[in-house]
Amino acid sequence: TAIYYCNAKIRSAYISYLDYWGQG
């Protein structure tokens, strides 16, 4: 039992990864 979140990590030229999240 929990709130489940979708996550995406995309490589960036300036940061190792950019994080994106769903609403849960």
PDB file of all heavy atoms in Angstrom:
ATOM      1  N   THR A   1       0.834  -1.198   0.000  1.00  0.00           N
ATOM      2  CA  THR A   1       0.000   0.000   0.000  1.00  0.00           C
ATOM      3  C   THR A   1       0.870   1.249   0.000  1.00  0.00           C
ATOM      4  O   THR A   1       1.714   1.427   0.874  1.00  0.00           O
ATOM      5  CB  THR A   1      -0.931   0.012   1.212  1.00  0.00           C
ATOM      6  OG1 THR A   1      -1.840  -1.093   1.132  1.00  0.00           O
ATOM      7  CG2 THR A   1      -1.734   1.300   1.267  1.00  0.00           C
ATOM      8  N   ALA A   2       0.676   2.106  -0.995  1.00  0.00           N
ATOM      9  CA  ALA A   2       1.491   3.306  -1.144  1.00  0.00           C
ATOM     10  C   ALA A   2       0.988   4.109  -2.336  1.00  0.00           C
ATOM     11  O   ALA A   2       0.154   3.639  -3.105  1.00  0.00           O
ATOM     12  CB  ALA A   2       2.964   2.941  -1.354  1.00  0.00           C
ATOM     13  N   ILE A   3       1.517   5.310  -2.472  1.00  0.00           N
ATOM     14  CA  ILE A   3       1.337   6.063  -3.701  1.00  0.00           C
ATOM     15  C   ILE A   3       2.491   5.690  -4.621  1.00  0.00           C
ATOM     16  O   ILE A   3       3.655   5.767  -4.225  1.00  0.00           O
ATOM     17  CB  ILE A   3       1.325   7.590  -3.459  1.00  0.00           C
ATOM     18  CG1 ILE A   3       0.198   7.958  -2.501  1.00  0.00           C
ATOM     19  CG2 ILE A   3       1.169   8.338  -4.766  1.00  0.00           C
ATOM     20  CD1 ILE A   3       0.190   9.424  -2.114  1.00  0.00           C
ATOM     21  N   TYR A   4       2.169   5.282  -5.826  1.00  0.00           N
ATOM     22  CA  TYR A   4       3.172   4.853  -6.792  1.00  0.00           C
ATOM     23  C   TYR A   4       3.399   5.952  -7.818  1.00  0.00           C
ATOM     24  O   TYR A   4       2.445   6.505  -8.373  1.00  0.00           O
ATOM     25  CB  TYR A   4       2.730   3.565  -7.480  1.00  0.00           C
ATOM     26  CG  TYR A   4       2.874   2.343  -6.599  1.00  0.00           C
ATOM     27  CD1 TYR A   4       2.032   2.142  -5.517  1.00  0.00           C
ATOM     28  CD2 TYR A   4       3.874   1.400  -6.843  1.00  0.00           C
ATOM     29  CE1 TYR A   4       2.178   1.040  -4.689  1.00  0.00           C
ATOM     30  CE2 TYR A   4       4.022   0.290  -6.035  1.00  0.00           C
ATOM     31  CZ  TYR A   4       3.172   0.117  -4.950  1.00  0.00           C
ATOM     32  OH  TYR A   4       3.323  -0.990  -4.143  1.00  0.00           O
ATOM     33  N   TYR A   5       4.681   6.243  -8.082  1.00  0.00           N
ATOM     34  CA  TYR A   5       5.064   7.322  -8.975  1.00  0.00           C
ATOM     35  C   TYR A   5       5.878   6.798 -10.150  1.00  0.00           C
ATOM     36  O   TYR A   5       6.781   5.985  -9.975  1.00  0.00           O
ATOM     37  CB  TYR A   5       5.910   8.365  -8.245  1.00  0.00           C
ATOM     38  CG  TYR A   5       5.202   9.072  -7.112  1.00  0.00           C
ATOM     39  CD1 TYR A   5       5.264   8.573  -5.811  1.00  0.00           C
ATOM     40  CD2 TYR A   5       4.489  10.243  -7.340  1.00  0.00           C
ATOM     41  CE1 TYR A   5       4.625   9.224  -4.770  1.00  0.00           C
ATOM     42  CE2 TYR A   5       3.851  10.892  -6.300  1.00  0.00           C
ATOM     43  CZ  TYR A   5       3.925  10.380  -5.017  1.00  0.00           C
ATOM     44  OH  TYR A   5       3.300  11.028  -3.989  1.00  0.00           O
ATOM     45  N   CYS A   6       5.576   7.293 -11.323  1.00  0.00           N
ATOM     46  CA  CYS A   6       6.367   7.024 -12.511  1.00  0.00           C
ATOM     47  C   CYS A   6       7.519   8.016 -12.577  1.00  0.00           C
ATOM     48  O   CYS A   6       7.351   9.198 -12.280  1.00  0.00           O
ATOM     49  CB  CYS A   6       5.481   7.149 -13.751  1.00  0.00           C
ATOM     50  SG  CYS A   6       6.333   6.938 -15.316  1.00  0.00           S
ATOM     51  N   ASN A   7       8.689   7.541 -12.968  1.00  0.00           N
ATOM     52  CA  ASN A   7       9.876   8.388 -13.038  1.00  0.00           C
ATOM     53  C   ASN A   7      10.627   8.149 -14.342  1.00  0.00           C
ATOM     54  O   ASN A   7      10.732   7.021 -14.816  1.00  0.00           O
ATOM     55  CB  ASN A   7      10.795   8.098 -11.851  1.00  0.00           C
ATOM     56  CG  ASN A   7      12.143   8.778 -11.973  1.00  0.00           C
ATOM     57  OD1 ASN A   7      13.133   8.150 -12.363  1.00  0.00           O
ATOM     58  ND2 ASN A   7      12.192  10.062 -11.637  1.00  0.00           N
ATOM     59  N   ALA A   8      11.154   9.227 -14.907  1.00  0.00           N
ATOM     60  CA  ALA A   8      12.006   9.147 -16.092  1.00  0.00           C
ATOM     61  C   ALA A   8      13.273   9.944 -15.847  1.00  0.00           C
ATOM     62  O   ALA A   8      13.226  11.051 -15.309  1.00  0.00           O
ATOM     63  CB  ALA A   8      11.276   9.679 -17.317  1.00  0.00           C
ATOM     64  N   LYS A   9      14.392   9.377 -16.230  1.00  0.00           N
ATOM     65  CA  LYS A   9      15.686  10.041 -16.116  1.00  0.00           C
ATOM     66  C   LYS A   9      16.283  10.166 -17.510  1.00  0.00           C
ATOM     67  O   LYS A   9      16.430   9.177 -18.211  1.00  0.00           O
ATOM     68  CB  LYS A   9      16.619   9.252 -15.201  1.00  0.00           C
ATOM     69  CG  LYS A   9      16.100   9.063 -13.782  1.00  0.00           C
ATOM     70  CD  LYS A   9      17.108   8.314 -12.921  1.00  0.00           C
ATOM     71  CE  LYS A   9      16.534   8.001 -11.552  1.00  0.00           C
ATOM     72  NZ  LYS A   9      16.232   9.228 -10.779  1.00  0.00           N
ATOM     73  N   ILE A  10      16.642  11.398 -17.879  1.00  0.00           N
ATOM     74  CA  ILE A  10      17.168  11.680 -19.205  1.00  0.00           C
ATOM     75  C   ILE A  10      18.528  12.369 -19.086  1.00  0.00           C
ATOM     76  O   ILE A  10      18.669  13.330 -18.324  1.00  0.00           O
ATOM     77  CB  ILE A  10      16.196  12.552 -20.010  1.00  0.00           C
ATOM     78  CG1 ILE A  10      14.844  11.839 -20.142  1.00  0.00           C
ATOM     79  CG2 ILE A  10      16.764  12.868 -21.385  1.00  0.00           C
ATOM     80  CD1 ILE A  10      13.793  12.641 -20.867  1.00  0.00           C
ATOM     81  N   ARG A  11      19.505  11.887 -19.838  1.00  0.00           N
ATOM     82  CA  ARG A  11      20.846  12.455 -19.800  1.00  0.00           C
ATOM     83  C   ARG A  11      20.832  13.906 -20.250  1.00  0.00           C
ATOM     84  O   ARG A  11      20.154  14.275 -21.210  1.00  0.00           O
ATOM     85  CB  ARG A  11      21.784  11.652 -20.689  1.00  0.00           C
ATOM     86  CG  ARG A  11      22.148  10.278 -20.152  1.00  0.00           C
ATOM     87  CD  ARG A  11      23.145  10.392 -18.999  1.00  0.00           C
ATOM     88  NE  ARG A  11      24.358  11.069 -19.378  1.00  0.00           N
ATOM     89  CZ  ARG A  11      25.403  10.490 -19.983  1.00  0.00           C
ATOM     90  NH1 ARG A  11      25.365   9.190 -20.268  1.00  0.00           N
ATOM     91  NH2 ARG A  11      26.477  11.201 -20.289  1.00  0.00           N
ATOM     92  N   SER A  12      21.609  14.720 -19.541  1.00  0.00           N
ATOM     93  CA  SER A  12      21.726  16.137 -19.837  1.00  0.00           C
ATOM     94  C   SER A  12      23.186  16.489 -20.074  1.00  0.00           C
ATOM     95  O   SER A  12      24.091  15.866 -19.505  1.00  0.00           O
ATOM     96  CB  SER A  12      21.164  16.978 -18.691  1.00  0.00           C
ATOM     97  OG  SER A  12      21.491  18.346 -18.846  1.00  0.00           O
ATOM     98  N   ALA A  13      23.417  17.507 -20.893  1.00  0.00           N
ATOM     99  CA  ALA A  13      24.781  17.965 -21.138  1.00  0.00           C
ATOM    100  C   ALA A  13      25.356  18.681 -19.930  1.00  0.00           C
ATOM    101  O   ALA A  13      26.577  18.816 -19.813  1.00  0.00           O
ATOM    102  CB  ALA A  13      24.811  18.883 -22.349  1.00  0.00           C
ATOM    103  N   TYR A  14      24.482  19.139 -19.033  1.00  0.00           N
ATOM    104  CA  TYR A  14      24.918  19.933 -17.887  1.00  0.00           C
ATOM    105  C   TYR A  14      24.784  19.201 -16.551  1.00  0.00           C
ATOM    106  O   TYR A  14      25.515  19.501 -15.612  1.00  0.00           O
ATOM    107  CB  TYR A  14      24.116  21.232 -17.829  1.00  0.00           C
ATOM    108  CG  TYR A  14      24.082  21.958 -19.145  1.00  0.00           C
ATOM    109  CD1 TYR A  14      22.952  21.926 -19.956  1.00  0.00           C
ATOM    110  CD2 TYR A  14      25.191  22.668 -19.593  1.00  0.00           C
ATOM    111  CE1 TYR A  14      22.925  22.579 -21.172  1.00  0.00           C
ATOM    112  CE2 TYR A  14      25.168  23.321 -20.811  1.00  0.00           C
ATOM    113  CZ  TYR A  14      24.040  23.272 -21.594  1.00  0.00           C
ATOM    114  OH  TYR A  14      24.019  23.921 -22.803  1.00  0.00           O
ATOM    115  N   ILE A  15      23.856  18.280 -16.465  1.00  0.00           N
ATOM    116  CA  ILE A  15      23.614  17.499 -15.261  1.00  0.00           C
ATOM    117  C   ILE A  15      23.610  16.031 -15.655  1.00  0.00           C
ATOM    118  O   ILE A  15      23.251  15.685 -16.772  1.00  0.00           O
ATOM    119  CB  ILE A  15      22.273  17.888 -14.604  1.00  0.00           C
ATOM    120  CG1 ILE A  15      22.203  19.398 -14.401  1.00  0.00           C
ATOM    121  CG2 ILE A  15      22.086  17.176 -13.268  1.00  0.00           C
ATOM    122  CD1 ILE A  15      20.851  19.884 -13.912  1.00  0.00           C
ATOM    123  N   SER A  16      24.010  15.170 -14.732  1.00  0.00           N
ATOM    124  CA  SER A  16      24.069  13.746 -15.048  1.00  0.00           C
ATOM    125  C   SER A  16      22.741  13.233 -15.616  1.00  0.00           C
ATOM    126  O   SER A  16      22.717  12.567 -16.658  1.00  0.00           O
ATOM    127  CB  SER A  16      24.479  12.950 -13.809  1.00  0.00           C
ATOM    128  OG  SER A  16      23.578  13.158 -12.748  1.00  0.00           O
ATOM    129  N   TYR A  17      21.631  13.540 -14.942  1.00  0.00           N
ATOM    130  CA  TYR A  17      20.299  13.171 -15.389  1.00  0.00           C
ATOM    131  C   TYR A  17      19.298  14.245 -14.998  1.00  0.00           C
ATOM    132  O   TYR A  17      19.428  14.874 -13.947  1.00  0.00           O
ATOM    133  CB  TYR A  17      19.840  11.844 -14.770  1.00  0.00           C
ATOM    134  CG  TYR A  17      20.504  10.614 -15.337  1.00  0.00           C
ATOM    135  CD1 TYR A  17      21.593  10.045 -14.701  1.00  0.00           C
ATOM    136  CD2 TYR A  17      20.028  10.017 -16.499  1.00  0.00           C
ATOM    137  CE1 TYR A  17      22.206   8.913 -15.218  1.00  0.00           C
ATOM    138  CE2 TYR A  17      20.634   8.892 -17.017  1.00  0.00           C
ATOM    139  CZ  TYR A  17      21.722   8.343 -16.379  1.00  0.00           C
ATOM    140  OH  TYR A  17      22.326   7.217 -16.891  1.00  0.00           O
ATOM    141  N   LEU A  18      18.291  14.436 -15.846  1.00  0.00           N
ATOM    142  CA  LEU A  18      17.138  15.247 -15.503  1.00  0.00           C
ATOM    143  C   LEU A  18      16.016  14.308 -15.090  1.00  0.00           C
ATOM    144  O   LEU A  18      15.761  13.314 -15.766  1.00  0.00           O
ATOM    145  CB  LEU A  18      16.686  16.100 -16.688  1.00  0.00           C
ATOM    146  CG  LEU A  18      17.631  17.228 -17.124  1.00  0.00           C
ATOM    147  CD1 LEU A  18      17.085  17.885 -18.387  1.00  0.00           C
ATOM    148  CD2 LEU A  18      17.797  18.248 -16.018  1.00  0.00           C
ATOM    149  N   ASP A  19      15.352  14.615 -13.979  1.00  0.00           N
ATOM    150  CA  ASP A  19      14.292  13.773 -13.443  1.00  0.00           C
ATOM    151  C   ASP A  19      12.912  14.333 -13.773  1.00  0.00           C
ATOM    152  O   ASP A  19      12.664  15.529 -13.625  1.00  0.00           O
ATOM    153  CB  ASP A  19      14.416  13.647 -11.928  1.00  0.00           C
ATOM    154  CG  ASP A  19      15.331  12.516 -11.511  1.00  0.00           C
ATOM    155  OD1 ASP A  19      14.972  11.353 -11.777  1.00  0.00           O
ATOM    156  OD2 ASP A  19      16.386  12.806 -10.919  1.00  0.00           O
ATOM    157  N   TYR A  20      12.022  13.448 -14.201  1.00  0.00           N
ATOM    158  CA  TYR A  20      10.632  13.794 -14.448  1.00  0.00           C
ATOM    159  C   TYR A  20       9.749  12.825 -13.682  1.00  0.00           C
ATOM    160  O   TYR A  20      10.055  11.631 -13.581  1.00  0.00           O
ATOM    161  CB  TYR A  20      10.305  13.730 -15.943  1.00  0.00           C
ATOM    162  CG  TYR A  20      11.128  14.687 -16.774  1.00  0.00           C
ATOM    163  CD1 TYR A  20      12.357  14.302 -17.285  1.00  0.00           C
ATOM    164  CD2 TYR A  20      10.677  15.980 -17.029  1.00  0.00           C
ATOM    165  CE1 TYR A  20      13.126  15.176 -18.040  1.00  0.00           C
ATOM    166  CE2 TYR A  20      11.437  16.862 -17.783  1.00  0.00           C
ATOM    167  CZ  TYR A  20      12.662  16.456 -18.283  1.00  0.00           C
ATOM    168  OH  TYR A  20      13.417  17.330 -19.030  1.00  0.00           O
ATOM    169  N   TRP A  21       8.642  13.341 -13.145  1.00  0.00           N
ATOM    170  CA  TRP A  21       7.752  12.542 -12.299  1.00  0.00           C
ATOM    171  C   TRP A  21       6.310  12.641 -12.739  1.00  0.00           C
ATOM    172  O   TRP A  21       5.852  13.689 -13.206  1.00  0.00           O
ATOM    173  CB  TRP A  21       7.843  13.006 -10.841  1.00  0.00           C
ATOM    174  CG  TRP A  21       9.186  12.795 -10.222  1.00  0.00           C
ATOM    175  CD1 TRP A  21      10.227  13.677 -10.210  1.00  0.00           C
ATOM    176  CD2 TRP A  21       9.627  11.638  -9.520  1.00  0.00           C
ATOM    177  NE1 TRP A  21      11.299  13.133  -9.543  1.00  0.00           N
ATOM    178  CE2 TRP A  21      10.956  11.882  -9.107  1.00  0.00           C
ATOM    179  CE3 TRP A  21       9.028  10.414  -9.196  1.00  0.00           C
ATOM    180  CZ2 TRP A  21      11.699  10.943  -8.387  1.00  0.00           C
ATOM    181  CZ3 TRP A  21       9.761   9.488  -8.484  1.00  0.00           C
ATOM    182  CH2 TRP A  21      11.081   9.756  -8.088  1.00  0.00           C
ATOM    183  N   GLY A  22       5.581  11.548 -12.571  1.00  0.00           N
ATOM    184  CA  GLY A  22       4.145  11.571 -12.748  1.00  0.00           C
ATOM    185  C   GLY A  22       3.471  12.087 -11.493  1.00  0.00           C
ATOM    186  O   GLY A  22       4.125  12.407 -10.495  1.00  0.00           O
ATOM    187  N   GLN A  23       2.144  12.174 -11.533  1.00  0.00           N
ATOM    188  CA  GLN A  23       1.398  12.743 -10.414  1.00  0.00           C
ATOM    189  C   GLN A  23       1.182  11.763  -9.272  1.00  0.00           C
ATOM    190  O   GLN A  23       0.819  12.165  -8.166  1.00  0.00           O
ATOM    191  CB  GLN A  23       0.032  13.252 -10.907  1.00  0.00           C
ATOM    192  CG  GLN A  23      -1.021  12.169 -11.145  1.00  0.00           C
ATOM    193  CD  GLN A  23      -0.807  11.386 -12.430  1.00  0.00           C
ATOM    194  OE1 GLN A  23       0.100  11.655 -13.214  1.00  0.00           O
ATOM    195  NE2 GLN A  23      -1.670  10.392 -12.651  1.00  0.00           N
ATOM    196  N   GLY A  24       1.403  10.490  -9.519  1.00  0.00           N
ATOM    197  CA  GLY A  24       1.207   9.464  -8.517  1.00  0.00           C
ATOM    198  C   GLY A  24      -0.174   8.836  -8.603  1.00  0.00           C
ATOM    199  O   GLY A  24      -1.149   9.490  -8.951  1.00  0.00           O
TER     200      GLY A  24
END
